[in-house]
């Protein structure tokens, strides 16, 4: 049992964490850049901050969603409950939208703060 993290083998846990983090960083960057292009603001301070500290922001902000992902991999194979399966399907959609909303909110926050300088 000492070769596990949260009840998952370390190698599987590391692979899941790596995959989850890369997906969230990708969604964070793509949605932020698309939002800045939409705002005709691609070359801006907010785009730079989206990249440099932004990838660390999304990495830490995605820890709770990763915890739910781990729980999903522990619960789903053991259940046939349609309600639980439906909730985890809805959670999958939330997990995809989460970094997109955070990215746009982060850009809006940066732009709001920059108005004072």
PDB file of N, CA and C in Angstrom:
ATOM      1  N   UNK A   1       0.815  -1.196   0.000  1.00  0.00           N
ATOM      2  CA  UNK A   1       0.000   0.000   0.000  1.00  0.00           C
ATOM      3  C   UNK A   1       0.859   1.261   0.000  1.00  0.00           C
ATOM      4  N   UNK A   2       2.137   1.143   0.298  1.00  0.00           N
ATOM      5  CA  UNK A   2       2.984   2.326   0.340  1.00  0.00           C
ATOM      6  C   UNK A   2       3.416   2.774  -1.053  1.00  0.00           C
ATOM      7  N   UNK A   3       3.102   2.028  -2.085  1.00  0.00           N
ATOM      8  CA  UNK A   3       3.440   2.400  -3.446  1.00  0.00           C
ATOM      9  C   UNK A   3       2.239   3.042  -4.150  1.00  0.00           C
ATOM     10  N   UNK A   4       1.340   3.659  -3.352  1.00  0.00           N
ATOM     11  CA  UNK A   4       0.148   4.273  -3.913  1.00  0.00           C
ATOM     12  C   UNK A   4       0.007   5.719  -3.433  1.00  0.00           C
ATOM     13  N   UNK A   5      -0.704   6.491  -4.217  1.00  0.00           N
ATOM     14  CA  UNK A   5      -1.084   7.853  -3.849  1.00  0.00           C
ATOM     15  C   UNK A   5      -2.591   7.933  -4.044  1.00  0.00           C
ATOM     16  N   UNK A   6      -3.315   8.289  -3.000  1.00  0.00           N
ATOM     17  CA  UNK A   6      -4.782   8.367  -3.017  1.00  0.00           C
ATOM     18  C   UNK A   6      -5.401   7.068  -3.502  1.00  0.00           C
ATOM     19  N   UNK A   7      -4.764   5.943  -3.201  1.00  0.00           N
ATOM     20  CA  UNK A   7      -5.288   4.640  -3.577  1.00  0.00           C
ATOM     21  C   UNK A   7      -4.995   4.224  -5.008  1.00  0.00           C
ATOM     22  N   UNK A   8      -4.136   4.956  -5.697  1.00  0.00           N
ATOM     23  CA  UNK A   8      -3.769   4.640  -7.078  1.00  0.00           C
ATOM     24  C   UNK A   8      -2.265   4.429  -7.125  1.00  0.00           C
ATOM     25  N   UNK A   9      -1.833   3.475  -7.941  1.00  0.00           N
ATOM     26  CA  UNK A   9      -0.396   3.241  -8.081  1.00  0.00           C
ATOM     27  C   UNK A   9       0.293   4.533  -8.506  1.00  0.00           C
ATOM     28  N   UNK A  10       1.525   4.733  -8.011  1.00  0.00           N
ATOM     29  CA  UNK A  10       2.240   5.981  -8.277  1.00  0.00           C
ATOM     30  C   UNK A  10       2.417   6.256  -9.762  1.00  0.00           C
ATOM     31  N   UNK A  11       2.755   5.246 -10.544  1.00  0.00           N
ATOM     32  CA  UNK A  11       2.958   5.450 -11.979  1.00  0.00           C
ATOM     33  C   UNK A  11       1.656   5.903 -12.645  1.00  0.00           C
ATOM     34  N   UNK A  12       0.543   5.265 -12.317  1.00  0.00           N
ATOM     35  CA  UNK A  12      -0.758   5.638 -12.874  1.00  0.00           C
ATOM     36  C   UNK A  12      -1.156   7.030 -12.404  1.00  0.00           C
ATOM     37  N   UNK A  13      -0.931   7.338 -11.129  1.00  0.00           N
ATOM     38  CA  UNK A  13      -1.229   8.649 -10.573  1.00  0.00           C
ATOM     39  C   UNK A  13      -0.430   9.731 -11.290  1.00  0.00           C
ATOM     40  N   UNK A  14       0.869   9.515 -11.463  1.00  0.00           N
ATOM     41  CA  UNK A  14       1.721  10.491 -12.142  1.00  0.00           C
ATOM     42  C   UNK A  14       1.282  10.700 -13.589  1.00  0.00           C
ATOM     43  N   UNK A  15       0.904   9.623 -14.262  1.00  0.00           N
ATOM     44  CA  UNK A  15       0.432   9.734 -15.646  1.00  0.00           C
ATOM     45  C   UNK A  15      -0.873  10.520 -15.688  1.00  0.00           C
ATOM     46  N   UNK A  16      -1.792  10.258 -14.772  1.00  0.00           N
ATOM     47  CA  UNK A  16      -3.057  10.975 -14.719  1.00  0.00           C
ATOM     48  C   UNK A  16      -2.842  12.455 -14.413  1.00  0.00           C
ATOM     49  N   UNK A  17      -1.967  12.743 -13.438  1.00  0.00           N
ATOM     50  CA  UNK A  17      -1.694  14.131 -13.060  1.00  0.00           C
ATOM     51  C   UNK A  17      -1.048  14.890 -14.211  1.00  0.00           C
ATOM     52  N   UNK A  18      -0.118  14.247 -14.880  1.00  0.00           N
ATOM     53  CA  UNK A  18       0.555  14.871 -16.008  1.00  0.00           C
ATOM     54  C   UNK A  18      -0.432  15.168 -17.132  1.00  0.00           C
ATOM     55  N   UNK A  19      -1.250  14.213 -17.452  1.00  0.00           N
ATOM     56  CA  UNK A  19      -2.240  14.376 -18.518  1.00  0.00           C
ATOM     57  C   UNK A  19      -3.247  15.468 -18.172  1.00  0.00           C
ATOM     58  N   UNK A  20      -3.745  15.450 -16.959  1.00  0.00           N
ATOM     59  CA  UNK A  20      -4.738  16.438 -16.521  1.00  0.00           C
ATOM     60  C   UNK A  20      -4.144  17.844 -16.548  1.00  0.00           C
ATOM     61  N   UNK A  21      -2.931  17.988 -16.065  1.00  0.00           N
ATOM     62  CA  UNK A  21      -2.281  19.297 -16.035  1.00  0.00           C
ATOM     63  C   UNK A  21      -2.017  19.821 -17.447  1.00  0.00           C
ATOM     64  N   UNK A  22      -1.530  18.966 -18.328  1.00  0.00           N
ATOM     65  CA  UNK A  22      -1.272  19.391 -19.712  1.00  0.00           C
ATOM     66  C   UNK A  22      -2.563  19.816 -20.404  1.00  0.00           C
ATOM     67  N   UNK A  23      -3.632  19.083 -20.194  1.00  0.00           N
ATOM     68  CA  UNK A  23      -4.909  19.427 -20.823  1.00  0.00           C
ATOM     69  C   UNK A  23      -5.417  20.769 -20.314  1.00  0.00           C
ATOM     70  N   UNK A  24      -5.319  20.995 -19.006  1.00  0.00           N
ATOM     71  CA  UNK A  24      -5.788  22.259 -18.452  1.00  0.00           C
ATOM     72  C   UNK A  24      -4.930  23.431 -18.908  1.00  0.00           C
ATOM     73  N   UNK A  25      -3.619  23.241 -18.976  1.00  0.00           N
ATOM     74  CA  UNK A  25      -2.738  24.306 -19.458  1.00  0.00           C
ATOM     75  C   UNK A  25      -3.045  24.610 -20.923  1.00  0.00           C
ATOM     76  N   UNK A  26      -3.243  23.586 -21.733  1.00  0.00           N
ATOM     77  CA  UNK A  26      -3.576  23.771 -23.141  1.00  0.00           C
ATOM     78  C   UNK A  26      -4.882  24.558 -23.296  1.00  0.00           C
ATOM     79  N   UNK A  27      -5.928  24.139 -22.582  1.00  0.00           N
ATOM     80  CA  UNK A  27      -7.215  24.837 -22.658  1.00  0.00           C
ATOM     81  C   UNK A  27      -7.094  26.276 -22.150  1.00  0.00           C
ATOM     82  N   UNK A  28      -6.305  26.475 -21.097  1.00  0.00           N
ATOM     83  CA  UNK A  28      -6.059  27.803 -20.520  1.00  0.00           C
ATOM     84  C   UNK A  28      -5.431  28.726 -21.562  1.00  0.00           C
ATOM     85  N   UNK A  29      -4.361  28.253 -22.193  1.00  0.00           N
ATOM     86  CA  UNK A  29      -3.643  29.082 -23.159  1.00  0.00           C
ATOM     87  C   UNK A  29      -4.468  29.343 -24.420  1.00  0.00           C
ATOM     88  N   UNK A  30      -5.053  28.299 -24.974  1.00  0.00           N
ATOM     89  CA  UNK A  30      -5.827  28.455 -26.204  1.00  0.00           C
ATOM     90  C   UNK A  30      -7.024  29.381 -25.991  1.00  0.00           C
ATOM     91  N   UNK A  31      -7.762  29.176 -24.920  1.00  0.00           N
ATOM     92  CA  UNK A  31      -8.938  30.018 -24.692  1.00  0.00           C
ATOM     93  C   UNK A  31      -8.536  31.457 -24.384  1.00  0.00           C
ATOM     94  N   UNK A  32      -7.434  31.652 -23.660  1.00  0.00           N
ATOM     95  CA  UNK A  32      -6.979  33.008 -23.365  1.00  0.00           C
ATOM     96  C   UNK A  32      -6.516  33.738 -24.611  1.00  0.00           C
ATOM     97  N   UNK A  33      -5.781  33.044 -25.464  1.00  0.00           N
ATOM     98  CA  UNK A  33      -5.317  33.661 -26.709  1.00  0.00           C
ATOM     99  C   UNK A  33      -6.498  33.960 -27.621  1.00  0.00           C
ATOM    100  N   UNK A  34      -7.431  33.045 -27.736  1.00  0.00           N
ATOM    101  CA  UNK A  34      -8.620  33.283 -28.572  1.00  0.00           C
ATOM    102  C   UNK A  34      -9.419  34.465 -28.026  1.00  0.00           C
ATOM    103  N   UNK A  35      -9.560  34.540 -26.719  1.00  0.00           N
ATOM    104  CA  UNK A  35     -10.282  35.672 -26.117  1.00  0.00           C
ATOM    105  C   UNK A  35      -9.565  36.986 -26.400  1.00  0.00           C
ATOM    106  N   UNK A  36      -8.236  36.998 -26.280  1.00  0.00           N
ATOM    107  CA  UNK A  36      -7.485  38.220 -26.575  1.00  0.00           C
ATOM    108  C   UNK A  36      -7.563  38.580 -28.061  1.00  0.00           C
ATOM    109  N   UNK A  37      -7.571  37.599 -28.946  1.00  0.00           N
ATOM    110  CA  UNK A  37      -7.751  37.878 -30.370  1.00  0.00           C
ATOM    111  C   UNK A  37      -9.139  38.471 -30.603  1.00  0.00           C
ATOM    112  N   UNK A  38     -10.141  37.903 -29.959  1.00  0.00           N
ATOM    113  CA  UNK A  38     -11.504  38.417 -30.073  1.00  0.00           C
ATOM    114  C   UNK A  38     -11.579  39.864 -29.593  1.00  0.00           C
ATOM    115  N   UNK A  39     -10.833  40.185 -28.558  1.00  0.00           N
ATOM    116  CA  UNK A  39     -10.806  41.542 -28.019  1.00  0.00           C
ATOM    117  C   UNK A  39      -9.841  42.444 -28.785  1.00  0.00           C
ATOM    118  N   UNK A  40      -9.248  41.944 -29.885  1.00  0.00           N
ATOM    119  CA  UNK A  40      -8.198  42.623 -30.667  1.00  0.00           C
ATOM    120  C   UNK A  40      -7.078  43.101 -29.756  1.00  0.00           C
ATOM    121  N   UNK A  41      -6.636  42.200 -28.921  1.00  0.00           N
ATOM    122  CA  UNK A  41      -5.676  42.535 -27.880  1.00  0.00           C
ATOM    123  C   UNK A  41      -4.619  41.444 -27.759  1.00  0.00           C
ATOM    124  N   UNK A  42      -4.237  40.807 -28.883  1.00  0.00           N
ATOM    125  CA  UNK A  42      -3.343  39.653 -28.809  1.00  0.00           C
ATOM    126  C   UNK A  42      -1.983  40.016 -28.242  1.00  0.00           C
ATOM    127  N   UNK A  43      -1.366  41.064 -28.786  1.00  0.00           N
ATOM    128  CA  UNK A  43      -0.051  41.467 -28.281  1.00  0.00           C
ATOM    129  C   UNK A  43      -0.299  42.445 -27.142  1.00  0.00           C
ATOM    130  N   UNK A  44      -0.325  41.896 -25.930  1.00  0.00           N
ATOM    131  CA  UNK A  44      -0.656  42.721 -24.771  1.00  0.00           C
ATOM    132  C   UNK A  44       0.003  42.146 -23.524  1.00  0.00           C
ATOM    133  N   UNK A  45      -0.062  42.925 -22.486  1.00  0.00           N
ATOM    134  CA  UNK A  45       0.488  42.499 -21.201  1.00  0.00           C
ATOM    135  C   UNK A  45      -0.313  41.325 -20.642  1.00  0.00           C
ATOM    136  N   UNK A  46      -1.612  41.324 -20.892  1.00  0.00           N
ATOM    137  CA  UNK A  46      -2.438  40.222 -20.380  1.00  0.00           C
ATOM    138  C   UNK A  46      -2.094  38.899 -21.055  1.00  0.00           C
ATOM    139  N   UNK A  47      -1.710  38.925 -22.321  1.00  0.00           N
ATOM    140  CA  UNK A  47      -1.287  37.694 -22.998  1.00  0.00           C
ATOM    141  C   UNK A  47       0.014  37.185 -22.409  1.00  0.00           C
ATOM    142  N   UNK A  48       0.931  38.092 -22.134  1.00  0.00           N
ATOM    143  CA  UNK A  48       2.198  37.700 -21.515  1.00  0.00           C
ATOM    144  C   UNK A  48       1.962  37.091 -20.135  1.00  0.00           C
ATOM    145  N   UNK A  49       1.129  37.727 -19.332  1.00  0.00           N
ATOM    146  CA  UNK A  49       0.842  37.208 -17.993  1.00  0.00           C
ATOM    147  C   UNK A  49       0.028  35.917 -18.041  1.00  0.00           C
ATOM    148  N   UNK A  50      -0.688  35.725 -19.121  1.00  0.00           N
ATOM    149  CA  UNK A  50      -1.421  34.470 -19.309  1.00  0.00           C
ATOM    150  C   UNK A  50      -0.450  33.305 -19.429  1.00  0.00           C
ATOM    151  N   UNK A  51       0.702  33.574 -20.040  1.00  0.00           N
ATOM    152  CA  UNK A  51       1.693  32.523 -20.271  1.00  0.00           C
ATOM    153  C   UNK A  51       2.630  32.346 -19.080  1.00  0.00           C
ATOM    154  N   UNK A  52       3.286  33.424 -18.678  1.00  0.00           N
ATOM    155  CA  UNK A  52       4.355  33.306 -17.684  1.00  0.00           C
ATOM    156  C   UNK A  52       3.839  32.833 -16.322  1.00  0.00           C
ATOM    157  N   UNK A  53       3.101  33.621 -15.540  1.00  0.00           N
ATOM    158  CA  UNK A  53       2.629  33.023 -14.288  1.00  0.00           C
ATOM    159  C   UNK A  53       1.327  32.260 -14.461  1.00  0.00           C
ATOM    160  N   UNK A  54       0.668  32.467 -15.614  1.00  0.00           N
ATOM    161  CA  UNK A  54      -0.645  31.863 -15.825  1.00  0.00           C
ATOM    162  C   UNK A  54      -0.647  30.353 -15.799  1.00  0.00           C
ATOM    163  N   UNK A  55       0.406  29.734 -16.347  1.00  0.00           N
ATOM    164  CA  UNK A  55       0.420  28.272 -16.349  1.00  0.00           C
ATOM    165  C   UNK A  55       0.562  27.718 -14.936  1.00  0.00           C
ATOM    166  N   UNK A  56       1.172  28.488 -14.048  1.00  0.00           N
ATOM    167  CA  UNK A  56       1.262  28.061 -12.652  1.00  0.00           C
ATOM    168  C   UNK A  56      -0.072  28.273 -11.941  1.00  0.00           C
ATOM    169  N   UNK A  57      -0.755  29.349 -12.306  1.00  0.00           N
ATOM    170  CA  UNK A  57      -2.073  29.622 -11.727  1.00  0.00           C
ATOM    171  C   UNK A  57      -3.035  28.485 -12.058  1.00  0.00           C
ATOM    172  N   UNK A  58      -3.079  28.089 -13.336  1.00  0.00           N
ATOM    173  CA  UNK A  58      -4.009  27.023 -13.715  1.00  0.00           C
ATOM    174  C   UNK A  58      -3.574  25.677 -13.152  1.00  0.00           C
ATOM    175  N   UNK A  59      -2.280  25.467 -13.014  1.00  0.00           N
ATOM    176  CA  UNK A  59      -1.814  24.209 -12.427  1.00  0.00           C
ATOM    177  C   UNK A  59      -2.306  24.062 -10.990  1.00  0.00           C
ATOM    178  N   UNK A  60      -2.212  25.126 -10.211  1.00  0.00           N
ATOM    179  CA  UNK A  60      -2.692  25.061  -8.830  1.00  0.00           C
ATOM    180  C   UNK A  60      -4.217  25.088  -8.747  1.00  0.00           C
ATOM    181  N   UNK A  61      -4.846  25.830  -9.653  1.00  0.00           N
ATOM    182  CA  UNK A  61      -6.303  25.909  -9.632  1.00  0.00           C
ATOM    183  C   UNK A  61      -6.959  24.598 -10.065  1.00  0.00           C
ATOM    184  N   UNK A  62      -6.221  23.754 -10.775  1.00  0.00           N
ATOM    185  CA  UNK A  62      -6.815  22.502 -11.247  1.00  0.00           C
ATOM    186  C   UNK A  62      -6.616  21.343 -10.275  1.00  0.00           C
ATOM    187  N   UNK A  63      -6.016  21.596  -9.132  1.00  0.00           N
ATOM    188  CA  UNK A  63      -5.847  20.524  -8.137  1.00  0.00           C
ATOM    189  C   UNK A  63      -7.203  19.974  -7.675  1.00  0.00           C
ATOM    190  N   UNK A  64      -8.179  20.822  -7.335  1.00  0.00           N
ATOM    191  CA  UNK A  64      -9.478  20.249  -6.927  1.00  0.00           C
ATOM    192  C   UNK A  64     -10.153  19.435  -8.034  1.00  0.00           C
ATOM    193  N   UNK A  65     -10.030  19.877  -9.275  1.00  0.00           N
ATOM    194  CA  UNK A  65     -10.657  19.117 -10.360  1.00  0.00           C
ATOM    195  C   UNK A  65      -9.927  17.801 -10.589  1.00  0.00           C
ATOM    196  N   UNK A  66      -8.629  17.787 -10.351  1.00  0.00           N
ATOM    197  CA  UNK A  66      -7.886  16.537 -10.467  1.00  0.00           C
ATOM    198  C   UNK A  66      -8.302  15.563  -9.367  1.00  0.00           C
ATOM    199  N   UNK A  67      -8.564  16.071  -8.176  1.00  0.00           N
ATOM    200  CA  UNK A  67      -9.009  15.214  -7.078  1.00  0.00           C
ATOM    201  C   UNK A  67     -10.321  14.522  -7.453  1.00  0.00           C
ATOM    202  N   UNK A  68     -11.237  15.267  -8.068  1.00  0.00           N
ATOM    203  CA  UNK A  68     -12.502  14.660  -8.500  1.00  0.00           C
ATOM    204  C   UNK A  68     -12.239  13.631  -9.593  1.00  0.00           C
ATOM    205  N   UNK A  69     -11.289  13.927 -10.480  1.00  0.00           N
ATOM    206  CA  UNK A  69     -10.932  12.979 -11.543  1.00  0.00           C
ATOM    207  C   UNK A  69     -10.404  11.668 -10.943  1.00  0.00           C
ATOM    208  N   UNK A  70      -9.583  11.770  -9.907  1.00  0.00           N
ATOM    209  CA  UNK A  70      -9.068  10.569  -9.237  1.00  0.00           C
ATOM    210  C   UNK A  70     -10.216   9.785  -8.616  1.00  0.00           C
ATOM    211  N   UNK A  71     -11.118  10.496  -7.943  1.00  0.00           N
ATOM    212  CA  UNK A  71     -12.271   9.828  -7.333  1.00  0.00           C
ATOM    213  C   UNK A  71     -13.139   9.159  -8.407  1.00  0.00           C
ATOM    214  N   UNK A  72     -13.262   9.807  -9.562  1.00  0.00           N
ATOM    215  CA  UNK A  72     -14.044   9.230 -10.659  1.00  0.00           C
ATOM    216  C   UNK A  72     -13.435   7.900 -11.094  1.00  0.00           C
ATOM    217  N   UNK A  73     -12.123   7.848 -11.227  1.00  0.00           N
ATOM    218  CA  UNK A  73     -11.470   6.610 -11.644  1.00  0.00           C
ATOM    219  C   UNK A  73     -11.554   5.520 -10.583  1.00  0.00           C
ATOM    220  N   UNK A  74     -11.794   5.913  -9.347  1.00  0.00           N
ATOM    221  CA  UNK A  74     -11.964   4.920  -8.286  1.00  0.00           C
ATOM    222  C   UNK A  74     -13.407   4.431  -8.185  1.00  0.00           C
ATOM    223  N   UNK A  75     -14.366   5.307  -8.447  1.00  0.00           N
ATOM    224  CA  UNK A  75     -15.776   4.985  -8.230  1.00  0.00           C
ATOM    225  C   UNK A  75     -16.430   4.351  -9.454  1.00  0.00           C
ATOM    226  N   UNK A  76     -16.192   4.908 -10.638  1.00  0.00           N
ATOM    227  CA  UNK A  76     -16.914   4.475 -11.844  1.00  0.00           C
ATOM    228  C   UNK A  76     -16.764   2.988 -12.144  1.00  0.00           C
ATOM    229  N   UNK A  77     -15.574   2.397 -12.068  1.00  0.00           N
ATOM    230  CA  UNK A  77     -15.487   0.962 -12.377  1.00  0.00           C
ATOM    231  C   UNK A  77     -16.256   0.065 -11.399  1.00  0.00           C
ATOM    232  N   UNK A  78     -16.557   0.585 -10.217  1.00  0.00           N
ATOM    233  CA  UNK A  78     -17.210  -0.228  -9.194  1.00  0.00           C
ATOM    234  C   UNK A  78     -18.721  -0.036  -9.130  1.00  0.00           C
ATOM    235  N   UNK A  79     -19.275   0.847  -9.958  1.00  0.00           N
ATOM    236  CA  UNK A  79     -20.698   1.140  -9.824  1.00  0.00           C
ATOM    237  C   UNK A  79     -21.449   0.927 -11.139  1.00  0.00           C
ATOM    238  N   UNK A  80     -22.714   0.653 -10.989  1.00  0.00           N
ATOM    239  CA  UNK A  80     -23.637   0.597 -12.121  1.00  0.00           C
ATOM    240  C   UNK A  80     -24.755   1.614 -11.941  1.00  0.00           C
ATOM    241  N   UNK A  81     -24.618   2.470 -10.937  1.00  0.00           N
ATOM    242  CA  UNK A  81     -25.625   3.467 -10.625  1.00  0.00           C
ATOM    243  C   UNK A  81     -25.650   4.528 -11.718  1.00  0.00           C
ATOM    244  N   UNK A  82     -26.761   4.650 -12.387  1.00  0.00           N
ATOM    245  CA  UNK A  82     -26.885   5.579 -13.512  1.00  0.00           C
ATOM    246  C   UNK A  82     -26.754   7.027 -13.063  1.00  0.00           C
ATOM    247  N   UNK A  83     -27.209   7.343 -11.853  1.00  0.00           N
ATOM    248  CA  UNK A  83     -27.103   8.707 -11.336  1.00  0.00           C
ATOM    249  C   UNK A  83     -25.639   9.098 -11.139  1.00  0.00           C
ATOM    250  N   UNK A  84     -24.857   8.209 -10.574  1.00  0.00           N
ATOM    251  CA  UNK A  84     -23.429   8.472 -10.366  1.00  0.00           C
ATOM    252  C   UNK A  84     -22.725   8.632 -11.707  1.00  0.00           C
ATOM    253  N   UNK A  85     -23.032   7.774 -12.647  1.00  0.00           N
ATOM    254  CA  UNK A  85     -22.415   7.863 -13.967  1.00  0.00           C
ATOM    255  C   UNK A  85     -22.818   9.153 -14.685  1.00  0.00           C
ATOM    256  N   UNK A  86     -24.059   9.566 -14.531  1.00  0.00           N
ATOM    257  CA  UNK A  86     -24.521  10.821 -15.135  1.00  0.00           C
ATOM    258  C   UNK A  86     -23.816  12.018 -14.500  1.00  0.00           C
ATOM    259  N   UNK A  87     -23.678  11.995 -13.188  1.00  0.00           N
ATOM    260  CA  UNK A  87     -22.993  13.099 -12.507  1.00  0.00           C
ATOM    261  C   UNK A  87     -21.526  13.208 -12.934  1.00  0.00           C
ATOM    262  N   UNK A  88     -20.859  12.091 -13.106  1.00  0.00           N
ATOM    263  CA  UNK A  88     -19.472  12.143 -13.558  1.00  0.00           C
ATOM    264  C   UNK A  88     -19.374  12.567 -15.028  1.00  0.00           C
ATOM    265  N   UNK A  89     -20.392  12.277 -15.820  1.00  0.00           N
ATOM    266  CA  UNK A  89     -20.410  12.769 -17.196  1.00  0.00           C
ATOM    267  C   UNK A  89     -20.568  14.280 -17.209  1.00  0.00           C
ATOM    268  N   UNK A  90     -21.456  14.793 -16.382  1.00  0.00           N
ATOM    269  CA  UNK A  90     -21.614  16.239 -16.252  1.00  0.00           C
ATOM    270  C   UNK A  90     -20.326  16.857 -15.725  1.00  0.00           C
ATOM    271  N   UNK A  91     -19.695  16.172 -14.770  1.00  0.00           N
ATOM    272  CA  UNK A  91     -18.431  16.665 -14.233  1.00  0.00           C
ATOM    273  C   UNK A  91     -17.366  16.755 -15.329  1.00  0.00           C
ATOM    274  N   UNK A  92     -17.357  15.817 -16.247  1.00  0.00           N
ATOM    275  CA  UNK A  92     -16.397  15.843 -17.356  1.00  0.00           C
ATOM    276  C   UNK A  92     -16.547  17.134 -18.157  1.00  0.00           C
ATOM    277  N   UNK A  93     -17.773  17.547 -18.419  1.00  0.00           N
ATOM    278  CA  UNK A  93     -18.022  18.789 -19.151  1.00  0.00           C
ATOM    279  C   UNK A  93     -17.583  20.006 -18.341  1.00  0.00           C
ATOM    280  N   UNK A  94     -17.848  19.987 -17.052  1.00  0.00           N
ATOM    281  CA  UNK A  94     -17.406  21.075 -16.172  1.00  0.00           C
ATOM    282  C   UNK A  94     -15.891  21.151 -16.152  1.00  0.00           C
ATOM    283  N   UNK A  95     -15.238  20.016 -16.113  1.00  0.00           N
ATOM    284  CA  UNK A  95     -13.774  19.969 -16.080  1.00  0.00           C
ATOM    285  C   UNK A  95     -13.168  20.553 -17.347  1.00  0.00           C
ATOM    286  N   UNK A  96     -13.859  20.462 -18.466  1.00  0.00           N
ATOM    287  CA  UNK A  96     -13.370  21.051 -19.716  1.00  0.00           C
ATOM    288  C   UNK A  96     -13.597  22.564 -19.722  1.00  0.00           C
ATOM    289  N   UNK A  97     -14.722  23.023 -19.225  1.00  0.00           N
ATOM    290  CA  UNK A  97     -15.066  24.441 -19.249  1.00  0.00           C
ATOM    291  C   UNK A  97     -14.312  25.224 -18.170  1.00  0.00           C
ATOM    292  N   UNK A  98     -13.944  24.593 -17.089  1.00  0.00           N
ATOM    293  CA  UNK A  98     -13.297  25.234 -15.941  1.00  0.00           C
ATOM    294  C   UNK A  98     -12.056  26.042 -16.322  1.00  0.00           C
ATOM    295  N   UNK A  99     -11.054  25.486 -17.026  1.00  0.00           N
ATOM    296  CA  UNK A  99      -9.884  26.307 -17.364  1.00  0.00           C
ATOM    297  C   UNK A  99     -10.194  27.424 -18.352  1.00  0.00           C
ATOM    298  N   UNK A 100     -11.204  27.243 -19.186  1.00  0.00           N
ATOM    299  CA  UNK A 100     -11.598  28.279 -20.138  1.00  0.00           C
ATOM    300  C   UNK A 100     -12.154  29.487 -19.386  1.00  0.00           C
ATOM    301  N   UNK A 101     -13.054  29.235 -18.452  1.00  0.00           N
ATOM    302  CA  UNK A 101     -13.646  30.318 -17.663  1.00  0.00           C
ATOM    303  C   UNK A 101     -12.582  30.991 -16.804  1.00  0.00           C
ATOM    304  N   UNK A 102     -11.709  30.210 -16.195  1.00  0.00           N
ATOM    305  CA  UNK A 102     -10.630  30.798 -15.381  1.00  0.00           C
ATOM    306  C   UNK A 102      -9.713  31.665 -16.228  1.00  0.00           C
ATOM    307  N   UNK A 103      -9.402  31.242 -17.425  1.00  0.00           N
ATOM    308  CA  UNK A 103      -8.518  31.995 -18.306  1.00  0.00           C
ATOM    309  C   UNK A 103      -9.120  33.350 -18.658  1.00  0.00           C
ATOM    310  N   UNK A 104     -10.368  33.362 -19.033  1.00  0.00           N
ATOM    311  CA  UNK A 104     -11.035  34.620 -19.384  1.00  0.00           C
ATOM    312  C   UNK A 104     -11.165  35.506 -18.144  1.00  0.00           C
ATOM    313  N   UNK A 105     -11.504  34.918 -17.013  1.00  0.00           N
ATOM    314  CA  UNK A 105     -11.576  35.685 -15.773  1.00  0.00           C
ATOM    315  C   UNK A 105     -10.232  36.267 -15.373  1.00  0.00           C
ATOM    316  N   UNK A 106      -9.172  35.512 -15.576  1.00  0.00           N
ATOM    317  CA  UNK A 106      -7.810  35.968 -15.277  1.00  0.00           C
ATOM    318  C   UNK A 106      -7.451  37.164 -16.158  1.00  0.00           C
ATOM    319  N   UNK A 107      -7.770  37.092 -17.431  1.00  0.00           N
ATOM    320  CA  UNK A 107      -7.502  38.210 -18.343  1.00  0.00           C
ATOM    321  C   UNK A 107      -8.302  39.439 -17.934  1.00  0.00           C
ATOM    322  N   UNK A 108      -9.565  39.255 -17.619  1.00  0.00           N
ATOM    323  CA  UNK A 108     -10.389  40.380 -17.181  1.00  0.00           C
ATOM    324  C   UNK A 108      -9.851  41.001 -15.892  1.00  0.00           C
ATOM    325  N   UNK A 109      -9.381  40.175 -14.972  1.00  0.00           N
ATOM    326  CA  UNK A 109      -8.791  40.672 -13.732  1.00  0.00           C
ATOM    327  C   UNK A 109      -7.526  41.472 -14.017  1.00  0.00           C
ATOM    328  N   UNK A 110      -6.670  40.963 -14.886  1.00  0.00           N
ATOM    329  CA  UNK A 110      -5.443  41.677 -15.245  1.00  0.00           C
ATOM    330  C   UNK A 110      -5.780  43.026 -15.879  1.00  0.00           C
ATOM    331  N   UNK A 111      -6.719  43.045 -16.804  1.00  0.00           N
ATOM    332  CA  UNK A 111      -7.097  44.278 -17.459  1.00  0.00           C
ATOM    333  C   UNK A 111      -7.705  45.276 -16.466  1.00  0.00           C
ATOM    334  N   UNK A 112      -8.478  44.776 -15.508  1.00  0.00           N
ATOM    335  CA  UNK A 112      -9.055  45.635 -14.467  1.00  0.00           C
ATOM    336  C   UNK A 112      -7.947  46.236 -13.611  1.00  0.00           C
ATOM    337  N   UNK A 113      -6.990  45.432 -13.199  1.00  0.00           N
ATOM    338  CA  UNK A 113      -5.885  45.926 -12.366  1.00  0.00           C
ATOM    339  C   UNK A 113      -5.031  46.921 -13.139  1.00  0.00           C
ATOM    340  N   UNK A 114      -4.809  46.661 -14.423  1.00  0.00           N
ATOM    341  CA  UNK A 114      -3.971  47.553 -15.227  1.00  0.00           C
ATOM    342  C   UNK A 114      -4.606  48.910 -15.461  1.00  0.00           C
ATOM    343  N   UNK A 115      -5.908  49.041 -15.282  1.00  0.00           N
ATOM    344  CA  UNK A 115      -6.567  50.334 -15.423  1.00  0.00           C
ATOM    345  C   UNK A 115      -6.086  51.324 -14.358  1.00  0.00           C
ATOM    346  N   UNK A 116      -5.613  50.801 -13.233  1.00  0.00           N
ATOM    347  CA  UNK A 116      -5.167  51.658 -12.149  1.00  0.00           C
ATOM    348  C   UNK A 116      -3.714  52.094 -12.304  1.00  0.00           C
ATOM    349  N   UNK A 117      -3.000  51.561 -13.289  1.00  0.00           N
ATOM    350  CA  UNK A 117      -1.588  51.912 -13.475  1.00  0.00           C
ATOM    351  C   UNK A 117      -1.360  52.668 -14.740  1.00  0.00           C
TER     352      UNK A 117
END
